[in-house]
Protein backbone atom coordinates (compact mmCIF):
# COMPACT_ATOMS: atom_id res chain seq x y z
CA MET A 1 2.73 -19.17 34.69
CA ASN A 2 5.40 -16.92 33.83
CA GLY A 3 6.19 -18.47 30.23
CA PRO A 4 7.38 -16.90 26.99
CA GLN A 5 5.09 -13.98 25.68
CA GLN A 6 2.72 -15.36 23.21
CA ILE A 7 2.09 -13.46 19.92
CA ASN A 8 -2.03 -12.62 19.97
CA PRO A 9 -2.85 -12.54 16.10
CA ASP A 10 -6.10 -10.65 17.21
CA ARG A 11 -4.27 -7.94 19.33
CA ILE A 12 -4.43 -4.32 17.79
CA ILE A 13 -1.30 -2.38 16.96
CA SER A 14 -2.02 1.14 17.16
CA ARG A 15 -0.87 3.49 13.98
CA ALA A 16 1.89 5.12 16.18
CA GLN A 17 3.14 1.70 17.25
CA PHE A 18 2.99 0.29 13.51
CA ARG A 19 5.08 3.27 12.71
CA GLU A 20 7.81 2.83 15.30
CA LEU A 21 8.02 -0.70 14.57
CA THR A 22 8.21 -0.53 10.71
CA GLY A 23 10.31 3.20 10.92
CA VAL A 24 8.01 4.61 8.18
CA SER A 25 7.09 8.38 8.83
CA ARG A 26 3.22 9.24 9.26
CA THR A 27 3.52 10.90 5.64
CA THR A 28 4.54 7.63 4.41
CA GLU A 29 1.92 5.38 6.06
CA TRP A 30 -0.43 7.57 4.74
CA ARG A 31 0.97 7.44 0.88
CA LEU A 32 1.10 3.61 1.22
CA SER A 33 -2.08 3.00 2.49
CA GLN A 34 -3.36 5.20 -0.23
CA GLU A 35 -1.67 3.14 -2.67
CA GLY A 36 -3.17 0.13 -0.87
CA ARG A 37 -0.02 -1.27 0.13
CA LEU A 38 -0.85 -1.52 3.86
CA PRO A 39 -2.82 -3.94 5.75
CA ALA A 40 -6.63 -2.75 6.07
CA VAL A 41 -6.75 -0.31 9.19
CA VAL A 42 -9.19 -1.81 12.07
CA GLU A 43 -11.40 0.85 13.85
CA VAL A 44 -11.08 -0.11 17.54
CA ASN A 45 -13.81 2.01 19.23
CA GLY A 46 -15.67 4.50 16.82
CA ARG A 47 -12.36 6.61 16.63
CA VAL A 48 -9.10 4.88 17.43
CA LEU A 49 -7.22 3.31 14.33
CA GLY A 50 -4.85 0.27 14.47
CA TYR A 51 -3.85 -2.56 12.68
CA ARG A 52 -4.29 -6.19 13.30
CA GLU A 53 -1.14 -7.83 14.48
CA SER A 54 -1.39 -10.69 11.97
CA ALA A 55 -1.74 -8.56 9.26
CA TYR A 56 1.36 -6.46 10.55
CA ILE A 57 3.03 -9.69 10.66
CA ALA A 58 2.12 -11.16 7.22
CA TRP A 59 3.11 -7.68 5.66
CA LEU A 60 6.26 -7.45 7.53
CA GLU A 61 7.30 -11.10 6.09
CA GLN A 62 6.26 -9.96 2.64
CA HIS A 63 8.24 -6.81 2.45
CA SER A 64 11.43 -7.94 4.63
CA ALA A 65 12.49 -10.49 1.62
């Protein structure tokens, strides 16, 4: 089946992918995180951190208005 790509809300977006998608710098990501203005970070395997795709989409909808 080669249908349209489905969004998986449980997929983890790496922090680098998040920065690339949003256009924020590493420093801005850190600052927004410290201020509690970013989605919660998810620990993937004890070392890799990322964001849930569903949280990213909700954050993006909230900040694109």
